Amino acid sequence: MKIIASKADAYRASNRFSELQVGDITFLRQEWQSGLYSCECETFVPLWGDNLRVLFSTADADLSPDVSNRLNRILTHDQCLRELIYFKLADYFQSNVLSRYETDEAGRRLPSSPSRRQLRSMYGEPDLHLNAAEETDRPTKISLYFNTSWNIEHPVEVVVEDWVIQRVR
């Protein structure tokens, strides 16, 4: 668990930045508009089995105990979904990407049947976005955003709700 160190060090003196605790995880909180906050950290996420950049936005300077507990349960959920997510990403690559792209942003030809290693390299590591809304009918909805090698401006989103992959887009 760590705060993204370069940002934390650079902004400690600013009154727009502060720390926010969710369970044992410390987020760097930035007020980016009056009354709107962006929170970010890098931490080990069991559902991915590795460290991820984790982000959420909120209109509240402090989280209610209910929201904090909900986010903590998501961040400590111990069912690893990584292999299943990559399986779905492989399907998405075959059914959607190859029909629209021939090369990646560097001009390299995309493989028609990528290995698991190539697939991971082309998708990269995701950012995990959490739902920090006080009232929500989707308390366990999360999104993983992958910045792909073939379209760096539009990440691929994997939506997970109740620990089931709902869609890849």
N, C-alpha and C. Protein backbone atom coordinates (compact mmCIF):
# COMPACT_ATOMS: atom_id res chain seq x y z
N MET A 1 0.85 -1.16 0.00
CA MET A 1 0.00 0.00 0.00
C MET A 1 0.89 1.23 0.00
N LYS A 2 0.61 2.14 -0.89
CA LYS A 2 1.36 3.38 -0.91
C LYS A 2 0.56 4.47 -1.61
N ILE A 3 0.81 5.67 -1.23
CA ILE A 3 0.26 6.81 -1.96
C ILE A 3 1.15 6.99 -3.17
N ILE A 4 0.63 7.44 -4.25
CA ILE A 4 1.47 7.70 -5.41
C ILE A 4 2.43 8.81 -4.99
N ALA A 5 3.66 8.42 -4.70
CA ALA A 5 4.63 9.24 -3.99
C ALA A 5 4.92 10.56 -4.66
N SER A 6 5.15 10.59 -5.95
CA SER A 6 5.51 11.84 -6.60
C SER A 6 4.42 12.89 -6.45
N LYS A 7 3.16 12.48 -6.59
CA LYS A 7 2.06 13.42 -6.42
C LYS A 7 1.95 13.86 -4.97
N ALA A 8 2.05 12.91 -4.06
CA ALA A 8 1.91 13.23 -2.65
C ALA A 8 2.96 14.23 -2.20
N ASP A 9 4.21 14.01 -2.59
CA ASP A 9 5.29 14.92 -2.20
C ASP A 9 5.10 16.30 -2.81
N ALA A 10 4.70 16.33 -4.07
CA ALA A 10 4.56 17.60 -4.77
C ALA A 10 3.42 18.45 -4.25
N TYR A 11 2.39 17.83 -3.70
CA TYR A 11 1.19 18.58 -3.36
C TYR A 11 0.90 18.72 -1.87
N ARG A 12 1.76 18.20 -1.02
CA ARG A 12 1.50 18.25 0.42
C ARG A 12 1.27 19.67 0.93
N ALA A 13 1.96 20.64 0.35
CA ALA A 13 1.85 22.03 0.82
C ALA A 13 0.55 22.70 0.34
N SER A 14 -0.10 22.15 -0.64
CA SER A 14 -1.30 22.77 -1.19
C SER A 14 -2.51 22.43 -0.33
N ASN A 15 -3.41 23.40 -0.17
CA ASN A 15 -4.64 23.12 0.59
C ASN A 15 -5.68 22.41 -0.27
N ARG A 16 -5.39 22.17 -1.56
CA ARG A 16 -6.30 21.43 -2.43
C ARG A 16 -6.12 19.93 -2.30
N PHE A 17 -5.06 19.50 -1.61
CA PHE A 17 -4.75 18.09 -1.50
C PHE A 17 -4.71 17.67 -0.05
N SER A 18 -5.20 16.48 0.20
CA SER A 18 -5.16 15.93 1.56
C SER A 18 -5.21 14.41 1.44
N GLU A 19 -5.12 13.76 2.57
CA GLU A 19 -5.19 12.30 2.59
C GLU A 19 -6.56 11.87 3.08
N LEU A 20 -7.02 10.74 2.56
CA LEU A 20 -8.31 10.17 2.93
C LEU A 20 -8.08 8.69 3.20
N GLN A 21 -8.51 8.24 4.35
CA GLN A 21 -8.32 6.85 4.76
C GLN A 21 -9.55 6.01 4.44
N VAL A 22 -9.33 4.86 3.78
CA VAL A 22 -10.39 3.87 3.54
C VAL A 22 -9.83 2.55 4.04
N GLY A 23 -10.28 2.12 5.21
CA GLY A 23 -9.69 0.94 5.84
C GLY A 23 -8.21 1.22 6.10
N ASP A 24 -7.35 0.33 5.64
CA ASP A 24 -5.90 0.50 5.80
C ASP A 24 -5.26 1.22 4.62
N ILE A 25 -6.05 1.68 3.68
CA ILE A 25 -5.53 2.26 2.45
C ILE A 25 -5.67 3.79 2.51
N THR A 26 -4.58 4.46 2.17
CA THR A 26 -4.57 5.92 2.17
C THR A 26 -4.66 6.43 0.75
N PHE A 27 -5.65 7.26 0.48
CA PHE A 27 -5.84 7.88 -0.83
C PHE A 27 -5.36 9.32 -0.76
N LEU A 28 -4.85 9.81 -1.88
CA LEU A 28 -4.56 11.22 -2.04
C LEU A 28 -5.83 11.86 -2.58
N ARG A 29 -6.37 12.83 -1.84
CA ARG A 29 -7.63 13.47 -2.23
C ARG A 29 -7.32 14.87 -2.75
N GLN A 30 -7.88 15.18 -3.92
CA GLN A 30 -7.69 16.48 -4.53
C GLN A 30 -9.05 17.12 -4.77
N GLU A 31 -9.18 18.36 -4.35
CA GLU A 31 -10.39 19.10 -4.69
C GLU A 31 -10.15 19.73 -6.06
N TRP A 32 -10.83 19.21 -7.10
CA TRP A 32 -10.56 19.69 -8.45
C TRP A 32 -11.60 20.70 -8.92
N GLN A 33 -12.72 20.79 -8.27
CA GLN A 33 -13.69 21.86 -8.45
C GLN A 33 -14.30 22.08 -7.08
N SER A 34 -14.91 23.21 -6.88
CA SER A 34 -15.51 23.49 -5.59
C SER A 34 -16.51 22.40 -5.23
N GLY A 35 -16.22 21.66 -4.18
CA GLY A 35 -17.13 20.62 -3.71
C GLY A 35 -17.04 19.31 -4.46
N LEU A 36 -16.06 19.13 -5.37
CA LEU A 36 -15.87 17.87 -6.06
C LEU A 36 -14.45 17.38 -5.80
N TYR A 37 -14.34 16.12 -5.41
CA TYR A 37 -13.05 15.57 -5.01
C TYR A 37 -12.70 14.34 -5.84
N SER A 38 -11.44 14.24 -6.19
CA SER A 38 -10.90 13.08 -6.88
C SER A 38 -9.93 12.40 -5.92
N CYS A 39 -10.08 11.10 -5.74
CA CYS A 39 -9.24 10.36 -4.80
C CYS A 39 -8.49 9.27 -5.57
N GLU A 40 -7.22 9.09 -5.22
CA GLU A 40 -6.37 8.18 -5.98
C GLU A 40 -5.32 7.56 -5.07
N CYS A 41 -4.99 6.31 -5.34
CA CYS A 41 -3.87 5.65 -4.66
C CYS A 41 -3.39 4.50 -5.53
N GLU A 42 -2.29 3.92 -5.15
CA GLU A 42 -1.83 2.67 -5.74
C GLU A 42 -1.69 1.69 -4.60
N THR A 43 -2.34 0.53 -4.73
CA THR A 43 -2.33 -0.45 -3.65
C THR A 43 -2.53 -1.85 -4.21
N PHE A 44 -2.22 -2.84 -3.41
CA PHE A 44 -2.48 -4.22 -3.79
C PHE A 44 -3.99 -4.45 -3.75
N VAL A 45 -4.52 -5.01 -4.85
CA VAL A 45 -5.95 -5.28 -4.96
C VAL A 45 -6.13 -6.78 -5.18
N PRO A 46 -6.63 -7.51 -4.17
CA PRO A 46 -6.75 -8.97 -4.30
C PRO A 46 -7.55 -9.44 -5.51
N LEU A 47 -8.58 -8.70 -5.91
CA LEU A 47 -9.37 -9.16 -7.06
C LEU A 47 -8.56 -9.13 -8.35
N TRP A 48 -7.44 -8.41 -8.37
CA TRP A 48 -6.53 -8.38 -9.51
C TRP A 48 -5.28 -9.21 -9.23
N GLY A 49 -4.94 -9.40 -7.96
CA GLY A 49 -3.76 -10.17 -7.58
C GLY A 49 -2.46 -9.39 -7.72
N ASP A 50 -2.54 -8.07 -7.77
CA ASP A 50 -1.35 -7.23 -7.95
C ASP A 50 -1.72 -5.79 -7.58
N ASN A 51 -0.74 -4.90 -7.63
CA ASN A 51 -1.00 -3.49 -7.37
C ASN A 51 -1.73 -2.87 -8.55
N LEU A 52 -2.66 -1.98 -8.24
CA LEU A 52 -3.38 -1.21 -9.25
C LEU A 52 -3.49 0.23 -8.80
N ARG A 53 -3.64 1.11 -9.76
CA ARG A 53 -4.01 2.49 -9.48
C ARG A 53 -5.52 2.47 -9.27
N VAL A 54 -5.97 3.00 -8.14
CA VAL A 54 -7.38 2.97 -7.76
C VAL A 54 -7.87 4.42 -7.66
N LEU A 55 -9.03 4.69 -8.26
CA LEU A 55 -9.56 6.05 -8.29
C LEU A 55 -11.05 6.06 -7.99
N PHE A 56 -11.51 7.14 -7.40
CA PHE A 56 -12.94 7.41 -7.30
C PHE A 56 -13.15 8.90 -7.12
N SER A 57 -14.35 9.35 -7.43
CA SER A 57 -14.72 10.76 -7.26
C SER A 57 -15.88 10.82 -6.27
N THR A 58 -15.96 11.94 -5.59
CA THR A 58 -17.03 12.13 -4.62
C THR A 58 -17.34 13.61 -4.47
N ALA A 59 -18.56 13.90 -4.09
CA ALA A 59 -18.95 15.29 -3.81
C ALA A 59 -18.79 15.61 -2.32
N ASP A 60 -18.39 14.61 -1.55
CA ASP A 60 -18.24 14.79 -0.10
C ASP A 60 -16.76 14.83 0.27
N ALA A 61 -16.39 15.79 1.11
CA ALA A 61 -15.00 15.89 1.55
C ALA A 61 -14.59 14.66 2.33
N ASP A 62 -15.49 14.11 3.11
CA ASP A 62 -15.23 12.89 3.87
C ASP A 62 -16.28 11.86 3.50
N LEU A 63 -15.88 10.61 3.48
CA LEU A 63 -16.81 9.54 3.16
C LEU A 63 -17.60 9.13 4.40
N SER A 64 -18.84 8.77 4.20
CA SER A 64 -19.63 8.25 5.31
C SER A 64 -19.06 6.88 5.70
N PRO A 65 -19.31 6.42 6.92
CA PRO A 65 -18.85 5.07 7.29
C PRO A 65 -19.38 3.99 6.36
N ASP A 66 -20.62 4.12 5.88
CA ASP A 66 -21.18 3.12 4.96
C ASP A 66 -20.40 3.06 3.65
N VAL A 67 -20.11 4.21 3.06
CA VAL A 67 -19.37 4.24 1.80
C VAL A 67 -17.94 3.75 2.01
N SER A 68 -17.31 4.20 3.07
CA SER A 68 -15.95 3.76 3.37
C SER A 68 -15.88 2.25 3.56
N ASN A 69 -16.84 1.69 4.28
CA ASN A 69 -16.87 0.23 4.48
C ASN A 69 -17.12 -0.50 3.17
N ARG A 70 -18.00 0.04 2.33
CA ARG A 70 -18.28 -0.59 1.03
C ARG A 70 -17.03 -0.60 0.15
N LEU A 71 -16.33 0.54 0.08
CA LEU A 71 -15.11 0.60 -0.73
C LEU A 71 -14.04 -0.33 -0.17
N ASN A 72 -13.94 -0.39 1.14
CA ASN A 72 -12.96 -1.28 1.77
C ASN A 72 -13.27 -2.74 1.46
N ARG A 73 -14.55 -3.12 1.48
CA ARG A 73 -14.93 -4.50 1.14
C ARG A 73 -14.56 -4.84 -0.31
N ILE A 74 -14.74 -3.88 -1.21
CA ILE A 74 -14.36 -4.10 -2.61
C ILE A 74 -12.85 -4.26 -2.72
N LEU A 75 -12.11 -3.38 -2.07
CA LEU A 75 -10.65 -3.39 -2.19
C LEU A 75 -10.00 -4.58 -1.48
N THR A 76 -10.73 -5.24 -0.60
CA THR A 76 -10.16 -6.41 0.09
C THR A 76 -10.84 -7.71 -0.32
N HIS A 77 -11.76 -7.66 -1.29
CA HIS A 77 -12.43 -8.87 -1.77
C HIS A 77 -11.38 -9.85 -2.28
N ASP A 78 -11.42 -11.08 -1.82
CA ASP A 78 -10.31 -12.00 -2.07
C ASP A 78 -10.49 -12.94 -3.26
N GLN A 79 -11.54 -12.79 -4.04
CA GLN A 79 -11.70 -13.63 -5.24
C GLN A 79 -10.96 -12.95 -6.40
N CYS A 80 -9.89 -13.57 -6.87
CA CYS A 80 -9.11 -13.00 -7.97
C CYS A 80 -9.83 -13.24 -9.29
N LEU A 81 -10.10 -12.17 -10.01
CA LEU A 81 -10.83 -12.22 -11.28
C LEU A 81 -9.91 -12.01 -12.49
N ARG A 82 -8.63 -11.88 -12.27
CA ARG A 82 -7.70 -11.49 -13.33
C ARG A 82 -7.74 -12.42 -14.54
N GLU A 83 -7.64 -13.72 -14.34
CA GLU A 83 -7.62 -14.66 -15.46
C GLU A 83 -8.94 -14.63 -16.23
N LEU A 84 -10.05 -14.55 -15.51
CA LEU A 84 -11.36 -14.46 -16.16
C LEU A 84 -11.48 -13.18 -16.97
N ILE A 85 -10.96 -12.08 -16.43
CA ILE A 85 -10.99 -10.80 -17.14
C ILE A 85 -10.16 -10.90 -18.41
N TYR A 86 -8.97 -11.51 -18.34
CA TYR A 86 -8.16 -11.65 -19.55
C TYR A 86 -8.82 -12.58 -20.57
N PHE A 87 -9.54 -13.57 -20.12
CA PHE A 87 -10.29 -14.43 -21.02
C PHE A 87 -11.33 -13.60 -21.79
N LYS A 88 -12.06 -12.74 -21.06
CA LYS A 88 -13.05 -11.86 -21.70
C LYS A 88 -12.39 -10.84 -22.62
N LEU A 89 -11.22 -10.34 -22.23
CA LEU A 89 -10.50 -9.39 -23.07
C LEU A 89 -10.01 -10.06 -24.36
N ALA A 90 -9.63 -11.32 -24.27
CA ALA A 90 -9.22 -12.07 -25.48
C ALA A 90 -10.40 -12.19 -26.43
N ASP A 91 -11.57 -12.51 -25.90
CA ASP A 91 -12.78 -12.58 -26.73
C ASP A 91 -13.08 -11.22 -27.37
N TYR A 92 -12.98 -10.17 -26.59
CA TYR A 92 -13.22 -8.82 -27.09
C TYR A 92 -12.23 -8.48 -28.21
N PHE A 93 -10.97 -8.84 -28.01
CA PHE A 93 -9.95 -8.57 -29.02
C PHE A 93 -10.31 -9.26 -30.34
N GLN A 94 -10.70 -10.52 -30.26
CA GLN A 94 -11.04 -11.28 -31.47
C GLN A 94 -12.31 -10.75 -32.14
N SER A 95 -13.32 -10.42 -31.36
CA SER A 95 -14.61 -10.05 -31.95
C SER A 95 -14.75 -8.58 -32.28
N ASN A 96 -13.99 -7.70 -31.64
CA ASN A 96 -14.17 -6.26 -31.87
C ASN A 96 -12.94 -5.53 -32.38
N VAL A 97 -11.79 -5.87 -31.87
CA VAL A 97 -10.58 -5.10 -32.20
C VAL A 97 -10.07 -5.44 -33.60
N LEU A 98 -9.92 -6.72 -33.89
CA LEU A 98 -9.33 -7.11 -35.17
C LEU A 98 -10.16 -6.67 -36.37
N SER A 99 -11.45 -6.52 -36.20
CA SER A 99 -12.29 -6.06 -37.30
C SER A 99 -12.16 -4.56 -37.55
N ARG A 100 -11.60 -3.82 -36.57
CA ARG A 100 -11.51 -2.36 -36.70
C ARG A 100 -10.08 -1.84 -36.81
N TYR A 101 -9.11 -2.62 -36.32
CA TYR A 101 -7.72 -2.16 -36.30
C TYR A 101 -6.80 -3.21 -36.91
N GLU A 102 -5.85 -2.74 -37.71
CA GLU A 102 -4.83 -3.64 -38.25
C GLU A 102 -3.51 -3.48 -37.52
N THR A 103 -3.25 -2.26 -37.03
CA THR A 103 -1.98 -1.98 -36.37
C THR A 103 -2.22 -1.27 -35.04
N ASP A 104 -1.19 -1.27 -34.21
CA ASP A 104 -1.27 -0.51 -32.96
C ASP A 104 -0.83 0.93 -33.24
N GLU A 105 -0.79 1.75 -32.21
CA GLU A 105 -0.46 3.17 -32.37
C GLU A 105 0.97 3.38 -32.87
N ALA A 106 1.85 2.39 -32.65
CA ALA A 106 3.23 2.50 -33.12
C ALA A 106 3.39 1.97 -34.55
N GLY A 107 2.31 1.53 -35.16
CA GLY A 107 2.36 1.03 -36.52
C GLY A 107 2.68 -0.45 -36.65
N ARG A 108 2.77 -1.16 -35.52
CA ARG A 108 3.04 -2.61 -35.56
C ARG A 108 1.76 -3.36 -35.85
N ARG A 109 1.87 -4.37 -36.69
CA ARG A 109 0.70 -5.19 -37.05
C ARG A 109 0.20 -5.95 -35.82
N LEU A 110 -1.12 -5.91 -35.59
CA LEU A 110 -1.72 -6.65 -34.48
C LEU A 110 -1.74 -8.14 -34.80
N PRO A 111 -1.38 -8.99 -33.84
CA PRO A 111 -1.41 -10.43 -34.10
C PRO A 111 -2.84 -10.94 -34.19
N SER A 112 -3.10 -11.86 -35.09
CA SER A 112 -4.46 -12.39 -35.25
C SER A 112 -4.82 -13.37 -34.14
N SER A 113 -3.84 -14.03 -33.58
CA SER A 113 -4.06 -14.96 -32.45
C SER A 113 -3.00 -14.69 -31.40
N PRO A 114 -3.16 -13.63 -30.62
CA PRO A 114 -2.11 -13.26 -29.65
C PRO A 114 -1.98 -14.28 -28.52
N SER A 115 -0.75 -14.46 -28.07
CA SER A 115 -0.50 -15.29 -26.90
C SER A 115 -0.99 -14.53 -25.67
N ARG A 116 -1.07 -15.22 -24.55
CA ARG A 116 -1.49 -14.56 -23.30
C ARG A 116 -0.54 -13.42 -22.98
N ARG A 117 0.75 -13.63 -23.20
CA ARG A 117 1.75 -12.59 -22.92
C ARG A 117 1.55 -11.38 -23.83
N GLN A 118 1.32 -11.62 -25.13
CA GLN A 118 1.07 -10.52 -26.06
C GLN A 118 -0.20 -9.75 -25.68
N LEU A 119 -1.22 -10.49 -25.32
CA LEU A 119 -2.49 -9.88 -24.94
C LEU A 119 -2.30 -8.95 -23.73
N ARG A 120 -1.60 -9.44 -22.72
CA ARG A 120 -1.34 -8.61 -21.53
C ARG A 120 -0.54 -7.37 -21.88
N SER A 121 0.41 -7.53 -22.78
CA SER A 121 1.22 -6.39 -23.20
C SER A 121 0.38 -5.36 -23.96
N MET A 122 -0.51 -5.83 -24.82
CA MET A 122 -1.33 -4.91 -25.62
C MET A 122 -2.38 -4.18 -24.77
N TYR A 123 -2.88 -4.82 -23.73
CA TYR A 123 -3.87 -4.18 -22.85
C TYR A 123 -3.22 -3.37 -21.74
N GLY A 124 -2.06 -3.76 -21.29
CA GLY A 124 -1.39 -3.06 -20.19
C GLY A 124 -2.10 -3.29 -18.87
N GLU A 125 -1.65 -2.58 -17.85
CA GLU A 125 -2.26 -2.68 -16.52
C GLU A 125 -3.45 -1.73 -16.43
N PRO A 126 -4.55 -2.17 -15.85
CA PRO A 126 -5.73 -1.30 -15.78
C PRO A 126 -5.69 -0.33 -14.61
N ASP A 127 -6.55 0.66 -14.68
CA ASP A 127 -6.89 1.50 -13.54
C ASP A 127 -8.24 1.01 -13.04
N LEU A 128 -8.39 0.95 -11.72
CA LEU A 128 -9.63 0.50 -11.10
C LEU A 128 -10.42 1.72 -10.64
N HIS A 129 -11.65 1.86 -11.14
CA HIS A 129 -12.52 2.97 -10.76
C HIS A 129 -13.65 2.43 -9.89
N LEU A 130 -13.84 3.08 -8.74
CA LEU A 130 -14.85 2.66 -7.78
C LEU A 130 -16.03 3.61 -7.77
N ASN A 131 -17.17 3.11 -7.33
CA ASN A 131 -18.38 3.90 -7.18
C ASN A 131 -18.47 4.35 -5.72
N ALA A 132 -18.25 5.65 -5.49
CA ALA A 132 -18.27 6.18 -4.13
C ALA A 132 -19.53 6.98 -3.84
N ALA A 133 -20.57 6.77 -4.61
CA ALA A 133 -21.83 7.50 -4.38
C ALA A 133 -22.44 7.08 -3.05
N GLU A 134 -22.99 8.04 -2.34
CA GLU A 134 -23.61 7.75 -1.03
C GLU A 134 -24.80 6.82 -1.20
N GLU A 135 -25.64 7.12 -2.16
CA GLU A 135 -26.80 6.26 -2.42
C GLU A 135 -26.65 5.68 -3.81
N THR A 136 -26.66 4.36 -3.89
CA THR A 136 -26.50 3.70 -5.17
C THR A 136 -27.25 2.38 -5.16
N ASP A 137 -27.78 2.02 -6.31
CA ASP A 137 -28.42 0.71 -6.42
C ASP A 137 -27.43 -0.32 -6.94
N ARG A 138 -26.16 0.09 -7.13
CA ARG A 138 -25.11 -0.81 -7.61
C ARG A 138 -23.88 -0.69 -6.72
N PRO A 139 -23.96 -1.15 -5.48
CA PRO A 139 -22.87 -0.92 -4.53
C PRO A 139 -21.56 -1.63 -4.87
N THR A 140 -21.60 -2.71 -5.61
CA THR A 140 -20.35 -3.42 -5.91
C THR A 140 -19.91 -3.24 -7.36
N LYS A 141 -20.48 -2.28 -8.06
CA LYS A 141 -20.08 -2.04 -9.44
C LYS A 141 -18.71 -1.37 -9.47
N ILE A 142 -17.81 -1.96 -10.25
CA ILE A 142 -16.48 -1.39 -10.46
C ILE A 142 -16.18 -1.42 -11.95
N SER A 143 -15.24 -0.59 -12.36
CA SER A 143 -14.79 -0.58 -13.75
C SER A 143 -13.27 -0.62 -13.77
N LEU A 144 -12.74 -1.46 -14.65
CA LEU A 144 -11.31 -1.50 -14.91
C LEU A 144 -11.10 -0.92 -16.30
N TYR A 145 -10.24 0.09 -16.40
CA TYR A 145 -9.96 0.74 -17.68
C TYR A 145 -8.56 0.36 -18.15
N PHE A 146 -8.48 -0.20 -19.35
CA PHE A 146 -7.23 -0.64 -19.95
C PHE A 146 -6.85 0.33 -21.07
N ASN A 147 -5.66 0.94 -20.97
CA ASN A 147 -5.15 1.79 -22.03
C ASN A 147 -4.43 0.90 -23.03
N THR A 148 -5.05 0.67 -24.16
CA THR A 148 -4.59 -0.33 -25.11
C THR A 148 -3.52 0.21 -26.06
N SER A 149 -2.79 -0.70 -26.68
CA SER A 149 -1.74 -0.30 -27.61
C SER A 149 -2.31 0.13 -28.97
N TRP A 150 -3.54 -0.26 -29.30
CA TRP A 150 -4.09 0.06 -30.62
C TRP A 150 -4.92 1.33 -30.62
N ASN A 151 -5.36 1.82 -29.44
CA ASN A 151 -6.12 3.06 -29.39
C ASN A 151 -5.86 3.71 -28.03
N ILE A 152 -4.84 4.54 -27.98
CA ILE A 152 -4.41 5.09 -26.69
C ILE A 152 -5.36 6.18 -26.18
N GLU A 153 -6.24 6.68 -27.01
CA GLU A 153 -7.16 7.73 -26.59
C GLU A 153 -8.45 7.20 -25.97
N HIS A 154 -8.80 5.95 -26.25
CA HIS A 154 -10.06 5.38 -25.75
C HIS A 154 -9.79 4.04 -25.08
N PRO A 155 -9.74 4.03 -23.76
CA PRO A 155 -9.46 2.77 -23.06
C PRO A 155 -10.63 1.78 -23.20
N VAL A 156 -10.30 0.51 -23.01
CA VAL A 156 -11.31 -0.54 -22.98
C VAL A 156 -11.77 -0.65 -21.52
N GLU A 157 -13.09 -0.66 -21.33
CA GLU A 157 -13.66 -0.75 -19.98
C GLU A 157 -14.22 -2.15 -19.75
N VAL A 158 -13.84 -2.72 -18.60
CA VAL A 158 -14.44 -3.97 -18.14
C VAL A 158 -15.28 -3.63 -16.92
N VAL A 159 -16.58 -3.89 -17.00
CA VAL A 159 -17.50 -3.58 -15.91
C VAL A 159 -17.78 -4.87 -15.14
N VAL A 160 -17.56 -4.81 -13.83
CA VAL A 160 -17.80 -5.94 -12.94
C VAL A 160 -18.82 -5.49 -11.90
N GLU A 161 -19.84 -6.31 -11.71
CA GLU A 161 -20.84 -6.02 -10.69
C GLU A 161 -21.18 -7.30 -9.96
N ASP A 162 -21.19 -7.24 -8.64
CA ASP A 162 -21.43 -8.42 -7.81
C ASP A 162 -20.46 -9.55 -8.18
N TRP A 163 -19.22 -9.17 -8.53
CA TRP A 163 -18.11 -10.07 -8.81
C TRP A 163 -18.32 -10.89 -10.08
N VAL A 164 -19.20 -10.41 -10.97
CA VAL A 164 -19.44 -11.03 -12.28
C VAL A 164 -19.14 -9.99 -13.35
N ILE A 165 -18.42 -10.40 -14.39
CA ILE A 165 -18.12 -9.49 -15.48
C ILE A 165 -19.40 -9.27 -16.29
N GLN A 166 -19.84 -8.01 -16.32
CA GLN A 166 -21.08 -7.66 -17.00
C GLN A 166 -20.87 -7.35 -18.48
N ARG A 167 -19.78 -6.63 -18.78
CA ARG A 167 -19.53 -6.28 -20.18
C ARG A 167 -18.10 -5.77 -20.35
N VAL A 168 -17.66 -5.84 -21.60
CA VAL A 168 -16.38 -5.26 -22.03
C VAL A 168 -16.72 -4.34 -23.19
N ARG A 169 -16.25 -3.10 -23.09
CA ARG A 169 -16.55 -2.15 -24.18
C ARG A 169 -15.41 -1.16 -24.36
